[in-house]
Amino acid sequence: MPHEVAHGYVAWKLGDPTARQANRLTLNPLAHIDLFGSIILPAMLFLMHSPVLFGWAKPVPFNPRYFRDPRRGIMLVGAAGPLANFALAIFSALLIRLIGAAGGILTTFLAYLCITNVILGVFNLIPIPPLDGSRVAMGFLPDDWVQLYQRIEPFGIFIIFGLLWLDALDWVFKLAEFLMFGLLLGG
């Protein structure tokens, strides 16, 4: 949820009122629930005993026509969500260090919050459309490659699901685990 709000906030700061006008600059989780992506698909996968549980929030709308430099704006809006995840992970890790093991269940909750946000941040930076990493990657591609790159977006969700199903993204989660335990939590 802070991930989606961050997208909208950055777009708003770059001059786009779309997310604000749609009342999506809120931490209220109900505003970000996507019926299929947040409820139906994860429930179906769970009931089918799928080895992959997958879902998403309702994307925050933005209109790059409001940006002075649309390509740079799209890149910044794309990066904002994962950066919000990393900020939450760092904040959780700092709280864990502050309260230590004496925090009991709170420490456990914060550890799960930390690892979840690291995984979400790293995962969302994968440059496969519609993930945020694709928006960042497009900012670095030559102009004549951008349209070609965007053509894979209708198939992106299937590519991502397939990679998850095949455990081909294990490196993403191993990197997240390394970051959490090594850098954030110091062990």
C-alpha atoms as a PDB file:
ATOM      1  CA  MET A   1       0.000   0.000   0.000  1.00  0.00           C
ATOM      2  CA  PRO A   2       2.756   2.560   0.765  1.00  0.00           C
ATOM      3  CA  HIS A   3       4.310   1.250  -2.458  1.00  0.00           C
ATOM      4  CA  GLU A   4       1.311   2.395  -4.521  1.00  0.00           C
ATOM      5  CA  VAL A   5       0.957   5.672  -2.637  1.00  0.00           C
ATOM      6  CA  ALA A   6       4.613   6.425  -3.393  1.00  0.00           C
ATOM      7  CA  HIS A   7       3.928   6.077  -7.135  1.00  0.00           C
ATOM      8  CA  GLY A   8       1.060   8.541  -6.899  1.00  0.00           C
ATOM      9  CA  TYR A   9       2.912  10.946  -4.640  1.00  0.00           C
ATOM     10  CA  VAL A  10       5.910  11.186  -6.958  1.00  0.00           C
ATOM     11  CA  ALA A  11       3.616  11.660  -9.962  1.00  0.00           C
ATOM     12  CA  TRP A  12       1.802  14.419  -8.052  1.00  0.00           C
ATOM     13  CA  LYS A  13       5.106  16.116  -7.153  1.00  0.00           C
ATOM     14  CA  LEU A  14       6.029  15.983 -10.854  1.00  0.00           C
ATOM     15  CA  GLY A  15       2.808  17.835 -11.715  1.00  0.00           C
ATOM     16  CA  ASP A  16       0.300  15.032 -12.323  1.00  0.00           C
ATOM     17  CA  PRO A  17      -2.922  15.376 -10.256  1.00  0.00           C
ATOM     18  CA  THR A  18      -4.416  12.062 -11.540  1.00  0.00           C
ATOM     19  CA  ALA A  19      -3.779   9.913  -8.445  1.00  0.00           C
ATOM     20  CA  ARG A  20      -4.849  12.690  -6.099  1.00  0.00           C
ATOM     21  CA  GLN A  21      -8.067  13.303  -8.043  1.00  0.00           C
ATOM     22  CA  ALA A  22      -8.767   9.546  -7.922  1.00  0.00           C
ATOM     23  CA  ASN A  23      -8.338   9.611  -4.095  1.00  0.00           C
ATOM     24  CA  ARG A  24      -5.437   7.164  -4.346  1.00  0.00           C
ATOM     25  CA  LEU A  25      -2.935   9.106  -2.234  1.00  0.00           C
ATOM     26  CA  THR A  26      -4.169   7.310   0.857  1.00  0.00           C
ATOM     27  CA  LEU A  27      -2.835   4.592   3.147  1.00  0.00           C
ATOM     28  CA  ASN A  28      -6.348   3.144   3.384  1.00  0.00           C
ATOM     29  CA  PRO A  29      -5.860  -0.399   2.039  1.00  0.00           C
ATOM     30  CA  LEU A  30      -9.424  -0.529   0.677  1.00  0.00           C
ATOM     31  CA  ALA A  31      -8.532   2.117  -1.919  1.00  0.00           C
ATOM     32  CA  HIS A  32      -5.812  -0.135  -3.324  1.00  0.00           C
ATOM     33  CA  ILE A  33      -7.571  -3.512  -3.464  1.00  0.00           C
ATOM     34  CA  ASP A  34      -7.887  -4.961  -6.944  1.00  0.00           C
ATOM     35  CA  LEU A  35     -10.738  -7.495  -6.920  1.00  0.00           C
ATOM     36  CA  PHE A  36      -8.970  -9.959  -9.199  1.00  0.00           C
ATOM     37  CA  GLY A  37      -5.326  -9.285  -8.305  1.00  0.00           C
ATOM     38  CA  SER A  38      -5.743  -8.887  -4.539  1.00  0.00           C
ATOM     39  CA  ILE A  39      -8.517 -11.392  -3.795  1.00  0.00           C
ATOM     40  CA  ILE A  40      -9.650 -13.753  -6.564  1.00  0.00           C
ATOM     41  CA  LEU A  41      -6.284 -14.840  -8.027  1.00  0.00           C
ATOM     42  CA  PRO A  42      -4.482 -15.347  -4.683  1.00  0.00           C
ATOM     43  CA  ALA A  43      -7.510 -17.273  -3.337  1.00  0.00           C
ATOM     44  CA  MET A  44      -7.644 -19.474  -6.448  1.00  0.00           C
ATOM     45  CA  LEU A  45      -3.919 -20.207  -6.250  1.00  0.00           C
ATOM     46  CA  PHE A  46      -4.206 -20.982  -2.539  1.00  0.00           C
ATOM     47  CA  LEU A  47      -7.203 -23.289  -3.027  1.00  0.00           C
ATOM     48  CA  MET A  48      -5.415 -25.066  -5.890  1.00  0.00           C
ATOM     49  CA  HIS A  49      -2.409 -25.635  -3.591  1.00  0.00           C
ATOM     50  CA  SER A  50      -0.239 -23.771  -6.072  1.00  0.00           C
ATOM     51  CA  PRO A  51       3.450 -23.551  -5.159  1.00  0.00           C
ATOM     52  CA  VAL A  52       3.217 -19.907  -6.257  1.00  0.00           C
ATOM     53  CA  LEU A  53       1.047 -17.377  -4.455  1.00  0.00           C
ATOM     54  CA  PHE A  54       0.838 -14.223  -6.472  1.00  0.00           C
ATOM     55  CA  GLY A  55      -1.196 -11.045  -6.449  1.00  0.00           C
ATOM     56  CA  TRP A  56      -1.138  -7.299  -6.841  1.00  0.00           C
ATOM     57  CA  ALA A  57      -2.748  -4.079  -5.724  1.00  0.00           C
ATOM     58  CA  LYS A  58      -4.720  -1.780  -7.979  1.00  0.00           C
ATOM     59  CA  PRO A  59      -2.132   0.311  -9.848  1.00  0.00           C
ATOM     60  CA  VAL A  60      -2.177   4.003  -9.018  1.00  0.00           C
ATOM     61  CA  PRO A  61      -3.103   5.947 -12.153  1.00  0.00           C
ATOM     62  CA  PHE A  62      -0.787   8.579 -13.528  1.00  0.00           C
ATOM     63  CA  ASN A  63      -0.615  10.567 -16.736  1.00  0.00           C
ATOM     64  CA  PRO A  64       2.896  11.236 -18.073  1.00  0.00           C
ATOM     65  CA  ARG A  65       1.581  14.077 -20.242  1.00  0.00           C
ATOM     66  CA  TYR A  66       1.713  16.244 -17.116  1.00  0.00           C
ATOM     67  CA  PHE A  67       5.454  15.668 -16.707  1.00  0.00           C
ATOM     68  CA  ARG A  68       7.929  18.181 -18.083  1.00  0.00           C
ATOM     69  CA  ASP A  69      10.104  15.222 -19.164  1.00  0.00           C
ATOM     70  CA  PRO A  70       7.701  12.257 -19.583  1.00  0.00           C
ATOM     71  CA  ARG A  71      10.386   9.619 -19.936  1.00  0.00           C
ATOM     72  CA  ARG A  72      12.224  10.732 -16.801  1.00  0.00           C
ATOM     73  CA  GLY A  73       8.899  11.116 -14.963  1.00  0.00           C
ATOM     74  CA  ILE A  74       7.800   7.579 -15.798  1.00  0.00           C
ATOM     75  CA  MET A  75      11.159   6.308 -14.574  1.00  0.00           C
ATOM     76  CA  LEU A  76      10.889   8.223 -11.278  1.00  0.00           C
ATOM     77  CA  VAL A  77       7.282   7.136 -10.706  1.00  0.00           C
ATOM     78  CA  GLY A  78       8.299   3.528 -11.404  1.00  0.00           C
ATOM     79  CA  ALA A  79      11.220   3.688  -8.964  1.00  0.00           C
ATOM     80  CA  ALA A  80       9.124   5.270  -6.197  1.00  0.00           C
ATOM     81  CA  GLY A  81       7.242   2.077  -5.251  1.00  0.00           C
ATOM     82  CA  PRO A  82      10.306  -0.142  -4.717  1.00  0.00           C
ATOM     83  CA  LEU A  83      12.066   2.720  -2.933  1.00  0.00           C
ATOM     84  CA  ALA A  84       9.094   2.940  -0.542  1.00  0.00           C
ATOM     85  CA  ASN A  85       9.462  -0.809   0.087  1.00  0.00           C
ATOM     86  CA  PHE A  86      13.174  -0.397   0.842  1.00  0.00           C
ATOM     87  CA  ALA A  87      12.456   2.556   3.146  1.00  0.00           C
ATOM     88  CA  LEU A  88       9.936   0.446   5.102  1.00  0.00           C
ATOM     89  CA  ALA A  89      12.446  -2.403   5.315  1.00  0.00           C
ATOM     90  CA  ILE A  90      15.134  -0.075   6.661  1.00  0.00           C
ATOM     91  CA  PHE A  91      12.699   1.470   9.143  1.00  0.00           C
ATOM     92  CA  SER A  92      11.656  -2.009  10.351  1.00  0.00           C
ATOM     93  CA  ALA A  93      15.294  -3.080  10.705  1.00  0.00           C
ATOM     94  CA  LEU A  94      16.110   0.050  12.694  1.00  0.00           C
ATOM     95  CA  LEU A  95      13.188  -0.646  15.044  1.00  0.00           C
ATOM     96  CA  ILE A  96      14.391  -4.239  15.466  1.00  0.00           C
ATOM     97  CA  ARG A  97      17.854  -2.986  16.389  1.00  0.00           C
ATOM     98  CA  LEU A  98      16.300  -0.485  18.791  1.00  0.00           C
ATOM     99  CA  ILE A  99      14.014  -2.889  20.657  1.00  0.00           C
ATOM    100  CA  GLY A 100      16.096  -6.046  20.135  1.00  0.00           C
ATOM    101  CA  ALA A 101      15.000  -9.567  20.990  1.00  0.00           C
ATOM    102  CA  ALA A 102      13.147  -8.248  24.046  1.00  0.00           C
ATOM    103  CA  GLY A 103      10.403  -7.121  21.669  1.00  0.00           C
ATOM    104  CA  GLY A 104       9.136 -10.703  21.309  1.00  0.00           C
ATOM    105  CA  ILE A 105       6.216 -10.843  18.914  1.00  0.00           C
ATOM    106  CA  LEU A 106       6.789  -7.233  17.842  1.00  0.00           C
ATOM    107  CA  THR A 107      10.347  -8.120  16.801  1.00  0.00           C
ATOM    108  CA  THR A 108       9.028 -11.098  14.837  1.00  0.00           C
ATOM    109  CA  PHE A 109       6.412  -8.914  13.138  1.00  0.00           C
ATOM    110  CA  LEU A 110       9.037  -6.300  12.267  1.00  0.00           C
ATOM    111  CA  ALA A 111      11.361  -8.991  10.868  1.00  0.00           C
ATOM    112  CA  TYR A 112       8.567 -10.256   8.589  1.00  0.00           C
ATOM    113  CA  LEU A 113       7.736  -6.680   7.599  1.00  0.00           C
ATOM    114  CA  CYS A 114      11.397  -6.094   6.786  1.00  0.00           C
ATOM    115  CA  ILE A 115      11.898  -9.227   4.650  1.00  0.00           C
ATOM    116  CA  THR A 116       8.560  -8.793   2.880  1.00  0.00           C
ATOM    117  CA  ASN A 117       9.406  -5.244   1.875  1.00  0.00           C
ATOM    118  CA  VAL A 118      12.908  -6.170   0.723  1.00  0.00           C
ATOM    119  CA  ILE A 119      11.476  -9.002  -1.404  1.00  0.00           C
ATOM    120  CA  LEU A 120       8.737  -6.771  -2.822  1.00  0.00           C
ATOM    121  CA  GLY A 121      11.207  -3.996  -3.603  1.00  0.00           C
ATOM    122  CA  VAL A 122      13.704  -6.295  -5.324  1.00  0.00           C
ATOM    123  CA  PHE A 123      10.970  -8.250  -7.131  1.00  0.00           C
ATOM    124  CA  ASN A 124       9.305  -5.087  -8.429  1.00  0.00           C
ATOM    125  CA  LEU A 125      12.604  -3.889  -9.869  1.00  0.00           C
ATOM    126  CA  ILE A 126      12.754  -6.856 -12.263  1.00  0.00           C
ATOM    127  CA  PRO A 127      12.597  -5.245 -15.716  1.00  0.00           C
ATOM    128  CA  ILE A 128       9.619  -7.226 -17.043  1.00  0.00           C
ATOM    129  CA  PRO A 129       6.530  -5.155 -17.844  1.00  0.00           C
ATOM    130  CA  PRO A 130       4.287  -4.435 -15.965  1.00  0.00           C
ATOM    131  CA  LEU A 131       6.703  -4.503 -13.010  1.00  0.00           C
ATOM    132  CA  ASP A 132       8.178  -1.187 -11.900  1.00  0.00           C
ATOM    133  CA  GLY A 133      11.633  -2.204 -13.070  1.00  0.00           C
ATOM    134  CA  SER A 134      10.374  -2.019 -16.643  1.00  0.00           C
ATOM    135  CA  ARG A 135       9.470   1.649 -16.144  1.00  0.00           C
ATOM    136  CA  VAL A 136      12.957   2.311 -14.811  1.00  0.00           C
ATOM    137  CA  ALA A 137      14.592   0.322 -17.624  1.00  0.00           C
ATOM    138  CA  MET A 138      12.644   2.241 -20.276  1.00  0.00           C
ATOM    139  CA  GLY A 139      14.288   5.420 -19.044  1.00  0.00           C
ATOM    140  CA  PHE A 140      17.655   4.016 -20.110  1.00  0.00           C
ATOM    141  CA  LEU A 141      16.666   2.430 -23.432  1.00  0.00           C
ATOM    142  CA  PRO A 142      17.251   4.134 -26.773  1.00  0.00           C
ATOM    143  CA  ASP A 143      14.050   5.752 -28.086  1.00  0.00           C
ATOM    144  CA  ASP A 144      13.596   3.262 -30.925  1.00  0.00           C
ATOM    145  CA  TRP A 145      13.693   0.302 -28.481  1.00  0.00           C
ATOM    146  CA  VAL A 146      11.017   1.591 -26.091  1.00  0.00           C
ATOM    147  CA  GLN A 147       8.002   0.685 -28.277  1.00  0.00           C
ATOM    148  CA  LEU A 148       9.425  -2.777 -28.950  1.00  0.00           C
ATOM    149  CA  TYR A 149      10.017  -3.273 -25.216  1.00  0.00           C
ATOM    150  CA  GLN A 150       6.458  -2.148 -24.392  1.00  0.00           C
ATOM    151  CA  ARG A 151       5.039  -4.823 -26.706  1.00  0.00           C
ATOM    152  CA  ILE A 152       5.832  -7.554 -24.199  1.00  0.00           C
ATOM    153  CA  GLU A 153       3.633  -5.973 -21.509  1.00  0.00           C
ATOM    154  CA  PRO A 154       0.473  -7.979 -22.390  1.00  0.00           C
ATOM    155  CA  PHE A 155       2.517 -11.145 -21.853  1.00  0.00           C
ATOM    156  CA  GLY A 156       4.491  -9.889 -18.855  1.00  0.00           C
ATOM    157  CA  ILE A 157       2.213 -11.325 -16.191  1.00  0.00           C
ATOM    158  CA  PHE A 158       2.476 -14.758 -17.808  1.00  0.00           C
ATOM    159  CA  ILE A 159       6.263 -14.441 -18.068  1.00  0.00           C
ATOM    160  CA  ILE A 160       6.499 -13.451 -14.408  1.00  0.00           C
ATOM    161  CA  PHE A 161       4.148 -16.221 -13.262  1.00  0.00           C
ATOM    162  CA  GLY A 162       6.089 -18.751 -15.349  1.00  0.00           C
ATOM    163  CA  LEU A 163       9.406 -17.624 -13.891  1.00  0.00           C
ATOM    164  CA  LEU A 164       7.969 -17.887 -10.377  1.00  0.00           C
ATOM    165  CA  TRP A 165       6.478 -21.311 -11.118  1.00  0.00           C
ATOM    166  CA  LEU A 166       9.843 -22.554 -12.404  1.00  0.00           C
ATOM    167  CA  ASP A 167      11.689 -21.054  -9.417  1.00  0.00           C
ATOM    168  CA  ALA A 168      13.751 -19.084 -11.944  1.00  0.00           C
ATOM    169  CA  LEU A 169      13.567 -16.008  -9.706  1.00  0.00           C
ATOM    170  CA  ASP A 170      15.087 -17.738  -6.699  1.00  0.00           C
ATOM    171  CA  TRP A 171      18.062 -15.419  -7.022  1.00  0.00           C
ATOM    172  CA  VAL A 172      15.744 -12.487  -6.355  1.00  0.00           C
ATOM    173  CA  PHE A 173      14.640 -13.960  -3.056  1.00  0.00           C
ATOM    174  CA  LYS A 174      18.166 -15.053  -2.110  1.00  0.00           C
ATOM    175  CA  LEU A 175      19.356 -11.495  -2.754  1.00  0.00           C
ATOM    176  CA  ALA A 176      16.519 -10.176  -0.587  1.00  0.00           C
ATOM    177  CA  GLU A 177      17.447 -12.599   2.186  1.00  0.00           C
ATOM    178  CA  PHE A 178      21.104 -11.524   1.976  1.00  0.00           C
ATOM    179  CA  LEU A 179      20.114  -7.862   2.118  1.00  0.00           C
ATOM    180  CA  MET A 180      17.815  -8.344   5.067  1.00  0.00           C
ATOM    181  CA  PHE A 181      20.040 -10.465   7.249  1.00  0.00           C
ATOM    182  CA  GLY A 182      23.412  -9.147   6.155  1.00  0.00           C
ATOM    183  CA  LEU A 183      22.964  -5.451   5.656  1.00  0.00           C
ATOM    184  CA  LEU A 184      19.792  -4.471   7.474  1.00  0.00           C
ATOM    185  CA  LEU A 185      19.808  -6.732  10.506  1.00  0.00           C
ATOM    186  CA  GLY A 186      23.562  -7.213  10.769  1.00  0.00           C
ATOM    187  CA  GLY A 187      23.649 -10.985  10.817  1.00  0.00           C
END
